[in-house]
Amino acid sequence: MNTTTVGTREEIFEDLKKIINDTFKINTENLDIATKLFNGGLSLNSIQLIELTVAIENFYDKQLATELLTEENFQDIITLAEVIKNNF
């Protein structure tokens, strides 16, 4: 768990790779910041997006506001990293 403030977008990207690997046990070496989370890329389903949200909240020891839990905010890693950077 990381209870310090979040870092740069690149540091958040590395955090997200770790969170994705730990949560879904998939190799994240080939992920880049533009990787889609659903509809291509990782092709996560709705349950997996919930699992990812919970894992992110646990990692940073903070909760995402309900209004941030939108399809647009979870479209790809770069967008999600910006949401985290701007709201944690």
N, C-alpha and C. Protein backbone atom coordinates (compact mmCIF):
# COMPACT_ATOMS: atom_id res chain seq x y z
N MET A 1 0.84 -1.17 0.00
CA MET A 1 0.00 0.00 0.00
C MET A 1 0.88 1.24 0.00
N ASN A 2 0.50 2.22 -0.76
CA ASN A 2 1.25 3.45 -0.90
C ASN A 2 0.43 4.58 -0.31
N THR A 3 0.79 5.04 0.90
CA THR A 3 0.00 6.08 1.55
C THR A 3 0.60 7.47 1.33
N THR A 4 1.63 7.57 0.51
CA THR A 4 2.19 8.87 0.18
C THR A 4 1.40 9.46 -0.98
N THR A 5 1.72 10.69 -1.33
CA THR A 5 1.03 11.31 -2.46
C THR A 5 1.44 10.62 -3.75
N VAL A 6 0.57 10.71 -4.73
CA VAL A 6 0.87 10.10 -6.02
C VAL A 6 1.95 10.92 -6.71
N GLY A 7 2.63 10.30 -7.64
CA GLY A 7 3.74 10.96 -8.31
C GLY A 7 3.36 11.51 -9.67
N THR A 8 4.32 11.46 -10.55
CA THR A 8 4.11 11.93 -11.92
C THR A 8 3.25 10.94 -12.68
N ARG A 9 2.81 11.33 -13.86
CA ARG A 9 2.01 10.43 -14.68
C ARG A 9 2.79 9.15 -14.97
N GLU A 10 4.10 9.26 -15.20
CA GLU A 10 4.92 8.09 -15.48
C GLU A 10 5.02 7.18 -14.25
N GLU A 11 5.14 7.77 -13.07
CA GLU A 11 5.16 6.96 -11.84
C GLU A 11 3.82 6.28 -11.61
N ILE A 12 2.74 6.98 -11.89
CA ILE A 12 1.41 6.39 -11.76
C ILE A 12 1.26 5.25 -12.77
N PHE A 13 1.78 5.43 -13.97
CA PHE A 13 1.75 4.37 -14.98
C PHE A 13 2.45 3.11 -14.45
N GLU A 14 3.61 3.27 -13.83
CA GLU A 14 4.32 2.13 -13.26
C GLU A 14 3.51 1.51 -12.12
N ASP A 15 2.87 2.35 -11.29
CA ASP A 15 1.99 1.83 -10.24
C ASP A 15 0.85 1.02 -10.85
N LEU A 16 0.24 1.54 -11.91
CA LEU A 16 -0.88 0.86 -12.54
C LEU A 16 -0.44 -0.48 -13.14
N LYS A 17 0.74 -0.53 -13.72
CA LYS A 17 1.26 -1.80 -14.24
C LYS A 17 1.38 -2.83 -13.12
N LYS A 18 1.89 -2.39 -11.98
CA LYS A 18 2.02 -3.28 -10.82
C LYS A 18 0.64 -3.72 -10.33
N ILE A 19 -0.28 -2.78 -10.23
CA ILE A 19 -1.63 -3.09 -9.76
C ILE A 19 -2.30 -4.08 -10.72
N ILE A 20 -2.18 -3.85 -12.01
CA ILE A 20 -2.79 -4.74 -13.01
C ILE A 20 -2.17 -6.12 -12.93
N ASN A 21 -0.85 -6.19 -12.82
CA ASN A 21 -0.17 -7.48 -12.70
C ASN A 21 -0.61 -8.21 -11.45
N ASP A 22 -0.64 -7.53 -10.32
CA ASP A 22 -1.00 -8.15 -9.05
C ASP A 22 -2.47 -8.60 -9.04
N THR A 23 -3.34 -7.82 -9.67
CA THR A 23 -4.77 -8.11 -9.64
C THR A 23 -5.16 -9.21 -10.60
N PHE A 24 -4.60 -9.17 -11.82
CA PHE A 24 -5.04 -10.09 -12.87
C PHE A 24 -3.99 -11.12 -13.25
N LYS A 25 -2.81 -11.05 -12.62
CA LYS A 25 -1.74 -12.02 -12.88
C LYS A 25 -1.40 -12.11 -14.37
N ILE A 26 -1.30 -10.95 -15.01
CA ILE A 26 -0.93 -10.92 -16.42
C ILE A 26 0.39 -10.17 -16.57
N ASN A 27 1.12 -10.52 -17.61
CA ASN A 27 2.38 -9.86 -17.91
C ASN A 27 2.10 -8.45 -18.40
N THR A 28 2.70 -7.48 -17.77
CA THR A 28 2.45 -6.08 -18.13
C THR A 28 3.63 -5.44 -18.87
N GLU A 29 4.62 -6.24 -19.26
CA GLU A 29 5.80 -5.69 -19.95
C GLU A 29 5.45 -4.95 -21.22
N ASN A 30 4.45 -5.44 -21.95
CA ASN A 30 4.11 -4.84 -23.24
C ASN A 30 3.05 -3.75 -23.16
N LEU A 31 2.61 -3.42 -21.95
CA LEU A 31 1.64 -2.34 -21.81
C LEU A 31 2.32 -1.01 -22.05
N ASP A 32 1.62 -0.11 -22.70
CA ASP A 32 2.10 1.27 -22.76
C ASP A 32 1.01 2.17 -22.23
N ILE A 33 1.31 3.42 -22.11
CA ILE A 33 0.40 4.36 -21.47
C ILE A 33 -0.91 4.53 -22.25
N ALA A 34 -0.91 4.17 -23.53
CA ALA A 34 -2.12 4.29 -24.35
C ALA A 34 -2.94 3.00 -24.41
N THR A 35 -2.52 1.96 -23.70
CA THR A 35 -3.24 0.69 -23.73
C THR A 35 -4.68 0.88 -23.26
N LYS A 36 -5.60 0.38 -24.06
CA LYS A 36 -7.02 0.44 -23.71
C LYS A 36 -7.30 -0.58 -22.60
N LEU A 37 -8.23 -0.22 -21.72
CA LEU A 37 -8.58 -1.11 -20.62
C LEU A 37 -9.70 -2.07 -20.99
N PHE A 38 -10.59 -1.64 -21.89
CA PHE A 38 -11.65 -2.50 -22.40
C PHE A 38 -11.84 -2.18 -23.87
N ASN A 39 -12.66 -2.93 -24.56
CA ASN A 39 -12.83 -2.73 -26.01
C ASN A 39 -11.50 -2.75 -26.74
N GLY A 40 -10.71 -3.77 -26.50
CA GLY A 40 -9.37 -3.89 -27.06
C GLY A 40 -8.36 -3.77 -25.94
N GLY A 41 -7.11 -3.83 -26.24
CA GLY A 41 -6.09 -3.73 -25.20
C GLY A 41 -6.22 -4.86 -24.20
N LEU A 42 -6.49 -4.52 -22.94
CA LEU A 42 -6.64 -5.53 -21.90
C LEU A 42 -7.99 -6.24 -21.96
N SER A 43 -8.96 -5.62 -22.63
CA SER A 43 -10.31 -6.20 -22.76
C SER A 43 -10.93 -6.60 -21.43
N LEU A 44 -10.80 -5.72 -20.43
CA LEU A 44 -11.40 -6.00 -19.13
C LEU A 44 -12.92 -5.93 -19.23
N ASN A 45 -13.59 -6.79 -18.48
CA ASN A 45 -15.05 -6.72 -18.43
C ASN A 45 -15.47 -5.86 -17.24
N SER A 46 -16.76 -5.70 -17.05
CA SER A 46 -17.25 -4.80 -16.01
C SER A 46 -16.84 -5.25 -14.61
N ILE A 47 -16.84 -6.54 -14.35
CA ILE A 47 -16.42 -7.05 -13.04
C ILE A 47 -14.93 -6.76 -12.83
N GLN A 48 -14.14 -6.96 -13.85
CA GLN A 48 -12.70 -6.70 -13.74
C GLN A 48 -12.42 -5.21 -13.54
N LEU A 49 -13.23 -4.35 -14.13
CA LEU A 49 -13.05 -2.91 -13.90
C LEU A 49 -13.34 -2.55 -12.45
N ILE A 50 -14.32 -3.22 -11.86
CA ILE A 50 -14.59 -3.02 -10.43
C ILE A 50 -13.40 -3.51 -9.61
N GLU A 51 -12.88 -4.69 -9.95
CA GLU A 51 -11.71 -5.23 -9.26
C GLU A 51 -10.52 -4.27 -9.37
N LEU A 52 -10.32 -3.71 -10.56
CA LEU A 52 -9.23 -2.76 -10.76
C LEU A 52 -9.44 -1.51 -9.92
N THR A 53 -10.65 -1.01 -9.88
CA THR A 53 -10.96 0.18 -9.06
C THR A 53 -10.64 -0.08 -7.59
N VAL A 54 -11.08 -1.21 -7.07
CA VAL A 54 -10.82 -1.56 -5.67
C VAL A 54 -9.31 -1.69 -5.42
N ALA A 55 -8.61 -2.32 -6.35
CA ALA A 55 -7.16 -2.49 -6.21
C ALA A 55 -6.44 -1.13 -6.20
N ILE A 56 -6.87 -0.22 -7.06
CA ILE A 56 -6.28 1.13 -7.09
C ILE A 56 -6.55 1.84 -5.77
N GLU A 57 -7.78 1.78 -5.31
CA GLU A 57 -8.12 2.44 -4.04
C GLU A 57 -7.33 1.85 -2.88
N ASN A 58 -7.15 0.55 -2.87
CA ASN A 58 -6.36 -0.08 -1.81
C ASN A 58 -4.89 0.30 -1.91
N PHE A 59 -4.36 0.34 -3.11
CA PHE A 59 -2.95 0.67 -3.32
C PHE A 59 -2.63 2.07 -2.80
N TYR A 60 -3.48 3.03 -3.16
CA TYR A 60 -3.25 4.43 -2.76
C TYR A 60 -3.90 4.78 -1.43
N ASP A 61 -4.67 3.86 -0.86
CA ASP A 61 -5.38 4.08 0.40
C ASP A 61 -6.28 5.33 0.32
N LYS A 62 -6.94 5.47 -0.83
CA LYS A 62 -7.87 6.57 -1.09
C LYS A 62 -9.01 6.02 -1.93
N GLN A 63 -10.14 6.72 -1.92
CA GLN A 63 -11.28 6.28 -2.72
C GLN A 63 -11.54 7.25 -3.85
N LEU A 64 -11.88 6.69 -5.01
CA LEU A 64 -12.30 7.52 -6.14
C LEU A 64 -13.74 7.95 -5.89
N ALA A 65 -14.03 9.21 -6.13
CA ALA A 65 -15.40 9.71 -5.98
C ALA A 65 -16.29 9.01 -7.00
N THR A 66 -17.51 8.75 -6.62
CA THR A 66 -18.46 8.04 -7.47
C THR A 66 -18.58 8.66 -8.84
N GLU A 67 -18.57 9.98 -8.92
CA GLU A 67 -18.73 10.65 -10.22
C GLU A 67 -17.53 10.43 -11.15
N LEU A 68 -16.42 9.92 -10.62
CA LEU A 68 -15.25 9.64 -11.45
C LEU A 68 -15.28 8.24 -12.05
N LEU A 69 -16.21 7.42 -11.60
CA LEU A 69 -16.30 6.04 -12.06
C LEU A 69 -17.11 5.96 -13.35
N THR A 70 -16.53 6.52 -14.40
CA THR A 70 -17.21 6.57 -15.69
C THR A 70 -16.41 5.78 -16.73
N GLU A 71 -17.10 5.39 -17.77
CA GLU A 71 -16.46 4.67 -18.87
C GLU A 71 -15.33 5.51 -19.47
N GLU A 72 -15.56 6.80 -19.59
CA GLU A 72 -14.54 7.69 -20.18
C GLU A 72 -13.26 7.70 -19.36
N ASN A 73 -13.38 7.70 -18.03
CA ASN A 73 -12.20 7.76 -17.17
C ASN A 73 -11.41 6.46 -17.13
N PHE A 74 -12.02 5.36 -17.60
CA PHE A 74 -11.37 4.06 -17.60
C PHE A 74 -11.11 3.56 -19.01
N GLN A 75 -11.11 4.46 -19.99
CA GLN A 75 -10.95 4.02 -21.38
C GLN A 75 -9.55 3.50 -21.68
N ASP A 76 -8.54 4.10 -21.08
CA ASP A 76 -7.16 3.65 -21.31
C ASP A 76 -6.31 4.04 -20.10
N ILE A 77 -5.09 3.56 -20.10
CA ILE A 77 -4.22 3.77 -18.95
C ILE A 77 -3.87 5.24 -18.76
N ILE A 78 -3.63 5.96 -19.84
CA ILE A 78 -3.25 7.37 -19.71
C ILE A 78 -4.37 8.19 -19.08
N THR A 79 -5.61 7.92 -19.48
CA THR A 79 -6.75 8.65 -18.91
C THR A 79 -6.90 8.31 -17.44
N LEU A 80 -6.80 7.04 -17.11
CA LEU A 80 -6.90 6.62 -15.71
C LEU A 80 -5.77 7.22 -14.88
N ALA A 81 -4.58 7.28 -15.42
CA ALA A 81 -3.45 7.90 -14.70
C ALA A 81 -3.73 9.38 -14.43
N GLU A 82 -4.31 10.07 -15.38
CA GLU A 82 -4.65 11.48 -15.17
C GLU A 82 -5.72 11.64 -14.10
N VAL A 83 -6.71 10.76 -14.11
CA VAL A 83 -7.76 10.79 -13.07
C VAL A 83 -7.14 10.62 -11.70
N ILE A 84 -6.25 9.66 -11.57
CA ILE A 84 -5.58 9.42 -10.30
C ILE A 84 -4.74 10.64 -9.90
N LYS A 85 -3.95 11.15 -10.84
CA LYS A 85 -3.08 12.30 -10.57
C LYS A 85 -3.89 13.51 -10.10
N ASN A 86 -5.01 13.76 -10.75
CA ASN A 86 -5.81 14.94 -10.46
C ASN A 86 -6.75 14.81 -9.27
N ASN A 87 -6.96 13.59 -8.80
CA ASN A 87 -7.96 13.39 -7.75
C ASN A 87 -7.45 12.71 -6.50
N PHE A 88 -6.20 12.26 -6.49
CA PHE A 88 -5.62 11.66 -5.28
C PHE A 88 -4.64 12.64 -4.75
